[in-house]
């Protein structure tokens, strides 16, 4: 081999080595980004999941991870609820209700048994015995426009009176998957709520006096946003009960160590609703708004219960206590005896209600209203809102599709979803 030929071969080998090194570097970069923003188990990777990237829970609907390296301060790296309603005991909450989103039941389905039901069996044409589910072709007053995920089963005793309803997608019993938290019903840990409560809130009480919270309040709080909006930025903790109604602006969460009493409509000054009827389009819109930090958003989180209107109504007092609430349902009357004056004419039969919020209660969400619309979602142990006006109408829970992309509220639930 001549000297010239040797030099040429050396240059060729160096070129090949350089190309291979570059390809290897790009491949490593791709693997590193494939798991960005995901929470993993720390186990070795398997073929098809990133080869060494910690595995994670499946991406939310639409195929997007939450908080995946886009630099937005408006979304969370934590998973958020991908359903419109989660409840263990459905009670009469399903009466005249349309859920635009998925329903999750942790444990066996408990609802509409003759000795526990309001209204009484046979008192209305939407109650049937035995239990029946109609999918797709059914057109009944109660509708789940999505999938019903159940970690348990329906009652085996067919003598029990149950509701007939329409489920547009599927009913999945004994379901094990990402839609249902592995730990079951998500529990609020007050220490975590206090740790994330570093935001601010301002507003007025029922007497028009200023209310200001930075991080945590010292005691019970009344927020009346009917004359001027409540303003929230981030997460705050109420050390006691919260009474709330009226409009708000901003994005954040109010945690209450006691009960939350909703004394009227709670409306966003700049609402994200309505979302497109098509789910793919709704998810795309939700992502756009979540990443941009646009539109108002509020979560109300009660360590005990959330009660609409009269705390002494039978929908509240008759709700079974699966776990004893830490605060009595009508505790508000002990420290705010004029509470009934605040909700009178605003929450009750024939009075329509609009709630722009995601609601969480460790115990029950209950009360009696006219027809209501909840724009956000709901998590509770016992779901017992009886929303019926003088004429049968629609109660609606509309899922907030921003949650599927990490809407930055409910940050205390870092291990739940």
Protein backbone atom coordinates (compact mmCIF):
# COMPACT_ATOMS: atom_id res chain seq x y z
CA UNK A 1 0.00 0.00 0.00
CA UNK A 2 1.38 3.40 -0.93
CA UNK A 3 1.66 6.29 1.48
CA UNK A 4 -1.07 8.14 -0.39
CA UNK A 5 -3.45 5.16 -0.22
CA UNK A 6 -2.81 4.82 3.54
CA UNK A 7 -3.68 8.47 4.15
CA UNK A 8 -6.88 8.12 2.14
CA UNK A 9 -7.98 5.03 4.08
CA UNK A 10 -7.25 6.80 7.40
CA UNK A 11 -9.39 9.77 6.35
CA UNK A 12 -12.22 7.41 5.33
CA UNK A 13 -12.16 5.59 8.69
CA UNK A 14 -12.15 8.88 10.60
CA UNK A 15 -15.17 10.03 8.59
CA UNK A 16 -17.11 6.85 9.28
CA UNK A 17 -16.29 7.07 13.01
CA UNK A 18 -17.48 10.70 13.12
CA UNK A 19 -20.83 9.83 11.50
CA UNK A 20 -21.39 6.92 13.89
CA UNK A 21 -20.60 9.12 16.89
CA UNK A 22 -23.08 11.75 15.72
CA UNK A 23 -25.83 9.17 15.19
CA UNK A 24 -25.19 7.73 18.64
CA UNK A 25 -25.39 11.20 20.21
CA UNK A 26 -28.72 11.99 18.51
CA UNK A 27 -30.18 8.64 19.60
CA UNK A 28 -29.21 9.32 23.20
CA UNK A 29 -30.78 12.76 23.02
CA UNK A 30 -34.03 11.31 21.67
CA UNK A 31 -34.18 8.78 24.50
CA UNK A 32 -33.55 11.44 27.08
CA UNK A 33 -36.40 13.65 25.82
CA UNK A 34 -38.84 10.75 25.44
CA UNK A 35 -39.37 10.62 29.19
CA UNK A 36 -39.18 14.30 30.02
CA UNK A 37 -41.84 15.46 32.44
CA UNK A 38 -42.95 11.96 33.40
CA UNK A 39 -42.95 10.45 36.85
CA UNK A 40 -41.28 7.06 36.79
CA UNK A 41 -41.03 4.08 39.06
CA UNK A 42 -37.23 4.00 38.82
CA UNK A 43 -37.22 0.50 37.32
CA UNK A 44 -34.96 -0.39 34.38
CA UNK A 45 -36.39 0.46 31.01
CA UNK A 46 -37.86 -2.10 28.66
CA UNK A 47 -37.83 -2.21 24.89
CA UNK A 48 -40.46 0.17 23.58
CA UNK A 49 -40.60 2.45 26.64
CA UNK A 50 -37.34 4.38 26.20
CA UNK A 51 -34.71 1.76 27.14
CA UNK A 52 -33.59 3.02 30.50
CA UNK A 53 -35.97 5.98 30.83
CA UNK A 54 -38.03 5.56 34.05
CA UNK A 55 -41.50 4.30 33.08
CA UNK A 56 -44.49 6.45 33.90
CA UNK A 57 -48.21 6.46 34.13
CA UNK A 58 -49.87 6.61 30.70
CA UNK A 59 -50.28 10.00 29.12
CA UNK A 60 -53.66 11.70 29.53
CA UNK A 61 -56.24 11.75 26.73
CA UNK A 62 -54.77 13.26 23.60
CA UNK A 63 -51.36 11.63 24.09
CA UNK A 64 -49.64 14.51 25.88
CA UNK A 65 -47.55 14.35 29.03
CA UNK A 66 -48.19 17.03 31.60
CA UNK A 67 -45.44 19.61 31.87
CA UNK A 68 -43.21 18.25 29.12
CA UNK A 69 -40.46 20.78 28.76
CA UNK A 70 -42.39 23.64 27.15
CA UNK A 71 -41.24 26.14 29.76
CA UNK A 72 -44.76 27.18 30.75
CA UNK A 73 -45.27 28.39 34.31
CA UNK A 74 -49.00 27.85 33.95
CA UNK A 75 -49.08 24.05 33.94
CA UNK A 76 -48.18 21.48 36.53
CA UNK A 77 -45.76 18.57 36.31
CA UNK A 78 -48.30 16.65 38.39
CA UNK A 79 -51.03 14.47 36.93
CA UNK A 80 -54.55 15.86 37.23
CA UNK A 81 -58.00 14.25 37.07
CA UNK A 82 -58.91 13.09 33.56
CA UNK A 83 -62.58 12.59 34.49
CA UNK A 84 -65.59 14.81 35.12
CA UNK A 85 -66.85 13.01 38.23
CA UNK A 86 -65.41 10.58 40.78
CA UNK A 87 -67.64 9.25 43.55
CA UNK A 88 -68.02 6.08 45.59
CA UNK A 89 -71.67 6.58 46.56
CA UNK A 90 -73.68 8.15 43.74
CA UNK A 91 -76.90 8.62 45.72
CA UNK A 92 -79.36 10.98 44.01
CA UNK A 93 -76.60 13.04 42.49
CA UNK A 94 -77.29 11.29 39.18
CA UNK A 95 -80.89 12.55 39.04
CA UNK A 96 -81.57 14.53 35.85
CA UNK A 97 -77.80 14.73 35.26
CA UNK A 98 -75.70 14.78 32.11
CA UNK A 99 -71.97 14.19 32.58
CA UNK A 100 -69.94 15.50 29.66
CA UNK A 101 -66.83 13.48 30.38
CA UNK A 102 -65.92 10.23 32.12
CA UNK A 103 -67.30 8.90 35.42
CA UNK A 104 -65.11 7.02 37.91
CA UNK A 105 -66.42 4.91 40.79
CA UNK A 106 -63.91 3.68 43.35
CA UNK A 107 -65.12 0.41 44.85
CA UNK A 108 -68.51 -1.15 44.23
CA UNK A 109 -71.34 1.05 42.94
CA UNK A 110 -73.58 2.21 45.77
CA UNK A 111 -76.73 4.10 44.87
CA UNK A 112 -80.52 4.17 44.80
CA UNK A 113 -81.22 1.42 47.28
CA UNK A 114 -84.85 1.69 48.47
CA UNK A 115 -83.94 2.30 52.10
CA UNK A 116 -81.34 4.96 51.29
CA UNK A 117 -82.76 6.81 48.32
CA UNK A 118 -84.32 10.23 47.79
CA UNK A 119 -86.77 10.40 46.12
CA UNK A 120 -88.50 7.25 47.30
CA UNK A 121 -88.64 4.31 44.85
CA UNK A 122 -91.41 4.72 42.30
CA UNK A 123 -91.85 8.43 42.96
CA UNK A 124 -90.51 9.43 39.57
CA UNK A 125 -90.29 7.85 36.13
CA UNK A 126 -86.48 7.89 36.08
CA UNK A 127 -86.21 5.15 38.71
CA UNK A 128 -86.44 1.52 37.59
CA UNK A 129 -86.15 -1.86 39.24
CA UNK A 130 -84.11 -3.89 38.54
CA UNK A 131 -80.96 -1.96 37.65
CA UNK A 132 -80.50 -1.33 33.92
CA UNK A 133 -77.82 0.32 31.80
CA UNK A 134 -78.55 1.48 28.27
CA UNK A 135 -75.56 2.21 26.05
CA UNK A 136 -75.49 4.33 22.91
CA UNK A 137 -79.03 3.61 21.74
CA UNK A 138 -80.62 4.52 25.06
CA UNK A 139 -82.06 7.98 25.43
CA UNK A 140 -82.77 8.52 29.10
CA UNK A 141 -82.73 11.54 31.35
CA UNK A 142 -79.47 10.53 33.02
CA UNK A 143 -76.53 10.44 30.61
CA UNK A 144 -72.80 9.78 30.82
CA UNK A 145 -71.30 11.15 27.62
CA UNK A 146 -68.09 9.21 28.06
CA UNK A 147 -66.94 6.00 29.78
CA UNK A 148 -67.89 4.71 33.25
CA UNK A 149 -64.83 3.22 34.98
CA UNK A 150 -65.65 1.09 38.03
CA UNK A 151 -62.97 -0.50 40.20
CA UNK A 152 -65.66 -2.78 41.67
CA UNK A 153 -69.02 -4.03 40.39
CA UNK A 154 -72.71 -3.23 40.40
CA UNK A 155 -74.81 -4.64 43.26
CA UNK A 156 -75.64 -8.33 42.83
CA UNK A 157 -78.97 -7.95 44.60
CA UNK A 158 -81.35 -7.20 41.73
CA UNK A 159 -84.18 -6.48 44.17
CA UNK A 160 -82.51 -3.14 44.85
CA UNK A 161 -84.01 -0.21 43.00
CA UNK A 162 -81.52 1.35 40.66
CA UNK A 163 -81.43 4.05 38.02
CA UNK A 164 -81.72 3.62 34.30
CA UNK A 165 -79.30 5.77 32.34
CA UNK A 166 -77.42 6.13 29.08
CA UNK A 167 -73.67 5.58 28.77
CA UNK A 168 -72.45 6.65 25.33
CA UNK A 169 -69.13 4.77 25.42
CA UNK A 170 -68.41 1.80 27.71
CA UNK A 171 -69.11 0.57 31.23
CA UNK A 172 -65.94 -1.07 32.58
CA UNK A 173 -66.41 -3.06 35.81
CA UNK A 174 -63.50 -4.45 37.85
CA UNK A 175 -61.38 -1.92 36.02
CA UNK A 176 -57.69 -1.51 36.81
CA UNK A 177 -56.03 1.29 34.90
CA UNK A 178 -54.80 4.89 34.99
CA UNK A 179 -58.29 6.38 35.18
CA UNK A 180 -58.62 5.07 38.75
CA UNK A 181 -55.84 5.93 41.23
CA UNK A 182 -54.05 2.82 42.50
CA UNK A 183 -54.59 3.98 46.07
CA UNK A 184 -58.34 4.30 45.47
CA UNK A 185 -60.15 7.46 46.53
CA UNK A 186 -57.60 10.31 46.71
CA UNK A 187 -57.18 11.60 50.26
CA UNK A 188 -56.37 15.18 51.12
CA UNK A 189 -53.30 15.55 53.34
CA UNK A 190 -53.55 18.88 55.15
CA UNK A 191 -49.79 19.11 55.63
CA UNK A 192 -49.37 19.01 51.84
CA UNK A 193 -52.14 21.58 51.38
CA UNK A 194 -50.40 23.90 53.82
CA UNK A 195 -47.05 23.37 52.10
CA UNK A 196 -48.36 24.43 48.68
CA UNK A 197 -50.49 27.30 50.00
CA UNK A 198 -48.23 30.20 49.12
CA UNK A 199 -50.67 32.21 47.04
CA UNK A 200 -52.86 35.24 47.70
CA UNK A 201 -56.59 35.95 47.77
CA UNK A 202 -58.55 39.16 48.21
CA UNK A 203 -62.27 39.89 48.31
CA UNK A 204 -65.18 41.08 50.45
CA UNK A 205 -67.27 39.35 53.11
CA UNK A 206 -71.05 39.51 53.48
CA UNK A 207 -70.80 42.88 55.24
CA UNK A 208 -68.59 44.38 52.56
CA UNK A 209 -65.43 44.24 54.67
CA UNK A 210 -62.11 43.43 53.03
CA UNK A 211 -60.84 39.86 53.13
CA UNK A 212 -57.17 39.19 52.44
CA UNK A 213 -55.31 35.88 52.66
CA UNK A 214 -51.63 35.32 52.05
CA UNK A 215 -50.91 31.63 52.33
CA UNK A 216 -53.21 30.74 55.20
CA UNK A 217 -56.14 32.31 57.05
CA UNK A 218 -56.36 32.35 60.83
CA UNK A 219 -60.00 31.24 60.98
CA UNK A 220 -63.30 30.81 59.09
CA UNK A 221 -63.77 32.91 55.95
CA UNK A 222 -66.79 34.41 54.15
CA UNK A 223 -66.28 35.43 50.52
CA UNK A 224 -69.06 37.33 48.76
CA UNK A 225 -68.14 38.14 45.18
CA UNK A 226 -71.57 39.43 44.15
CA UNK A 227 -70.50 43.10 44.14
CA UNK A 228 -66.84 42.73 43.08
CA UNK A 229 -64.90 39.64 41.99
CA UNK A 230 -62.87 37.57 44.42
CA UNK A 231 -59.26 37.63 43.21
CA UNK A 232 -57.07 34.55 43.58
CA UNK A 233 -53.49 33.88 42.57
CA UNK A 234 -52.17 30.46 43.51
CA UNK A 235 -53.17 28.28 46.44
CA UNK A 236 -54.44 29.35 49.87
CA UNK A 237 -55.62 27.51 52.97
CA UNK A 238 -58.63 28.44 55.12
CA UNK A 239 -58.17 27.29 58.69
CA UNK A 240 -61.81 26.40 59.30
CA UNK A 241 -64.96 26.70 57.20
CA UNK A 242 -65.40 28.65 53.98
CA UNK A 243 -68.63 30.31 52.80
CA UNK A 244 -68.44 31.44 49.18
CA UNK A 245 -70.54 32.83 46.33
CA UNK A 246 -70.23 35.31 43.49
CA UNK A 247 -67.68 35.89 40.75
CA UNK A 248 -63.91 35.46 40.81
CA UNK A 249 -60.88 36.15 38.67
CA UNK A 250 -57.48 34.48 38.51
CA UNK A 251 -56.36 30.89 38.91
CA UNK A 252 -55.88 28.95 42.12
CA UNK A 253 -57.18 26.66 44.84
CA UNK A 254 -58.89 27.29 48.17
CA UNK A 255 -58.37 24.48 50.68
CA UNK A 256 -60.57 24.41 53.79
CA UNK A 257 -59.79 22.36 56.88
CA UNK A 258 -63.54 22.22 57.59
CA UNK A 259 -66.61 22.46 55.36
CA UNK A 260 -67.19 24.61 52.29
CA UNK A 261 -70.65 26.16 52.05
CA UNK A 262 -71.71 27.33 48.59
CA UNK A 263 -74.32 30.05 49.03
CA UNK A 264 -74.91 30.88 45.38
CA UNK A 265 -73.46 30.71 41.89
CA UNK A 266 -69.67 30.88 41.58
CA UNK A 267 -68.73 32.28 38.18
CA UNK A 268 -65.45 32.97 36.44
CA UNK A 269 -65.01 36.53 35.21
CA UNK A 270 -63.23 35.12 32.15
CA UNK A 271 -64.50 31.56 31.65
CA UNK A 272 -62.82 28.87 29.54
CA UNK A 273 -66.22 27.38 28.70
CA UNK A 274 -67.74 26.17 26.49
CA UNK A 275 -65.29 23.67 25.03
CA UNK A 276 -65.90 22.13 21.59
CA UNK A 277 -68.31 19.17 21.58
CA UNK A 278 -65.74 17.03 19.76
CA UNK A 279 -63.36 15.48 22.31
CA UNK A 280 -60.22 15.80 20.19
CA UNK A 281 -60.94 19.46 19.55
CA UNK A 282 -61.78 20.01 23.23
CA UNK A 283 -58.46 18.47 24.30
CA UNK A 284 -56.59 20.68 21.83
CA UNK A 285 -58.37 23.76 23.15
CA UNK A 286 -57.68 22.69 26.73
CA UNK A 287 -53.97 22.34 25.97
CA UNK A 288 -53.83 25.74 24.30
CA UNK A 289 -55.45 27.47 27.28
CA UNK A 290 -53.46 25.55 29.90
CA UNK A 291 -50.08 26.30 28.32
CA UNK A 292 -50.93 29.96 27.82
CA UNK A 293 -52.31 30.40 31.33
CA UNK A 294 -55.44 31.94 29.89
CA UNK A 295 -58.89 32.13 31.43
CA UNK A 296 -59.89 31.85 35.09
CA UNK A 297 -59.83 28.62 37.08
CA UNK A 298 -60.77 27.73 40.64
CA UNK A 299 -60.64 24.58 42.75
CA UNK A 300 -62.54 24.31 46.04
CA UNK A 301 -61.13 21.56 48.28
CA UNK A 302 -62.83 20.60 51.56
CA UNK A 303 -61.23 18.39 54.18
CA UNK A 304 -64.80 17.60 55.31
CA UNK A 305 -67.83 18.33 53.08
CA UNK A 306 -69.13 20.75 50.47
CA UNK A 307 -72.72 21.81 51.04
CA UNK A 308 -74.94 23.78 48.69
CA UNK A 309 -77.45 26.03 50.41
CA UNK A 310 -79.30 24.72 53.46
CA UNK A 311 -76.94 22.61 55.58
CA UNK A 312 -79.96 21.15 57.42
CA UNK A 313 -81.79 19.87 54.34
CA UNK A 314 -82.49 16.13 54.12
CA UNK A 315 -80.13 15.75 51.16
CA UNK A 316 -77.38 16.71 53.59
CA UNK A 317 -78.55 15.15 56.84
CA UNK A 318 -79.71 11.96 55.08
CA UNK A 319 -76.41 11.31 53.34
CA UNK A 320 -74.65 8.24 54.78
CA UNK A 321 -71.32 8.99 56.39
CA UNK A 322 -68.97 6.44 54.86
CA UNK A 323 -66.25 7.99 56.95
CA UNK A 324 -67.32 10.33 59.78
CA UNK A 325 -66.73 13.94 58.70
CA UNK A 326 -64.35 15.86 60.93
CA UNK A 327 -66.75 18.83 60.97
CA UNK A 328 -70.53 18.63 61.50
CA UNK A 329 -72.52 19.51 58.37
CA UNK A 330 -74.31 22.51 59.95
CA UNK A 331 -71.28 23.83 61.82
CA UNK A 332 -71.67 27.11 59.93
CA UNK A 333 -74.70 28.01 62.05
CA UNK A 334 -72.55 28.07 65.19
CA UNK A 335 -70.20 30.79 63.93
CA UNK A 336 -72.35 32.44 61.22
CA UNK A 337 -76.01 32.30 62.34
CA UNK A 338 -77.04 34.63 59.48
CA UNK A 339 -75.84 32.12 56.87
CA UNK A 340 -79.41 31.35 55.78
CA UNK A 341 -79.89 35.03 54.88
CA UNK A 342 -76.96 34.80 52.51
CA UNK A 343 -78.17 31.83 50.47
CA UNK A 344 -81.92 32.53 50.64
CA UNK A 345 -83.27 33.02 47.12
CA UNK A 346 -79.96 31.95 45.60
CA UNK A 347 -79.72 28.22 46.29
CA UNK A 348 -82.86 26.15 46.55
CA UNK A 349 -85.69 24.62 44.58
CA UNK A 350 -86.45 26.44 41.33
CA UNK A 351 -83.23 28.49 41.58
CA UNK A 352 -80.69 27.66 38.87
CA UNK A 353 -77.04 27.49 39.85
CA UNK A 354 -73.78 27.82 37.92
CA UNK A 355 -70.46 26.74 39.40
CA UNK A 356 -67.23 27.43 37.50
CA UNK A 357 -64.92 25.31 39.64
CA UNK A 358 -63.46 21.88 40.26
CA UNK A 359 -64.87 20.59 43.56
CA UNK A 360 -63.21 18.12 45.94
CA UNK A 361 -64.71 16.85 49.18
CA UNK A 362 -63.21 14.20 51.40
CA UNK A 363 -66.71 13.31 52.61
CA UNK A 364 -69.82 14.45 50.73
CA UNK A 365 -70.99 17.03 48.23
CA UNK A 366 -74.67 17.54 48.94
CA UNK A 367 -77.57 19.96 48.92
CA UNK A 368 -80.74 20.87 47.08
CA UNK A 369 -80.86 23.30 44.17
CA UNK A 370 -82.75 24.03 41.03
CA UNK A 371 -81.04 22.86 37.88
CA UNK A 372 -77.29 23.42 38.03
CA UNK A 373 -74.30 23.51 35.71
CA UNK A 374 -70.83 22.65 37.04
CA UNK A 375 -68.01 23.73 34.73
CA UNK A 376 -64.95 21.90 36.00
CA UNK A 377 -65.42 18.56 37.70
CA UNK A 378 -66.06 16.87 41.01
CA UNK A 379 -64.47 14.38 43.42
CA UNK A 380 -66.33 13.22 46.51
CA UNK A 381 -67.04 10.16 48.62
CA UNK A 382 -70.81 10.66 48.55
CA UNK A 383 -72.49 12.59 45.71
CA UNK A 384 -75.89 13.85 46.81
CA UNK A 385 -76.80 17.09 45.06
CA UNK A 386 -80.51 17.01 44.29
CA UNK A 387 -80.84 19.51 41.47
CA UNK A 388 -84.44 19.63 40.28
CA UNK A 389 -86.52 22.71 39.50
CA UNK A 390 -90.29 23.09 39.17
CA UNK A 391 -90.04 21.42 35.76
CA UNK A 392 -87.63 18.56 35.03
CA UNK A 393 -84.59 20.08 33.43
CA UNK A 394 -80.93 19.44 32.94
CA UNK A 395 -78.16 19.29 35.48
CA UNK A 396 -74.79 19.21 33.73
CA UNK A 397 -71.20 18.50 34.75
CA UNK A 398 -68.84 19.77 32.04
CA UNK A 399 -65.26 18.49 32.28
CA UNK A 400 -62.55 21.17 32.17
CA UNK A 401 -60.24 19.87 29.44
CA UNK A 402 -57.42 22.07 30.72
CA UNK A 403 -57.03 19.53 33.53
CA UNK A 404 -55.88 16.92 31.03
CA UNK A 405 -52.87 19.13 30.31
CA UNK A 406 -51.85 20.12 33.82
CA UNK A 407 -54.06 23.07 34.80
CA UNK A 408 -52.19 24.39 37.83
CA UNK A 409 -54.72 23.88 40.60
CA UNK A 410 -55.13 21.23 43.34
CA UNK A 411 -51.35 21.00 43.72
CA UNK A 412 -51.62 19.19 47.08
CA UNK A 413 -52.68 16.00 45.29
CA UNK A 414 -49.19 15.27 44.01
CA UNK A 415 -49.42 11.48 44.35
CA UNK A 416 -53.06 10.92 43.47
CA UNK A 417 -53.33 10.92 39.70
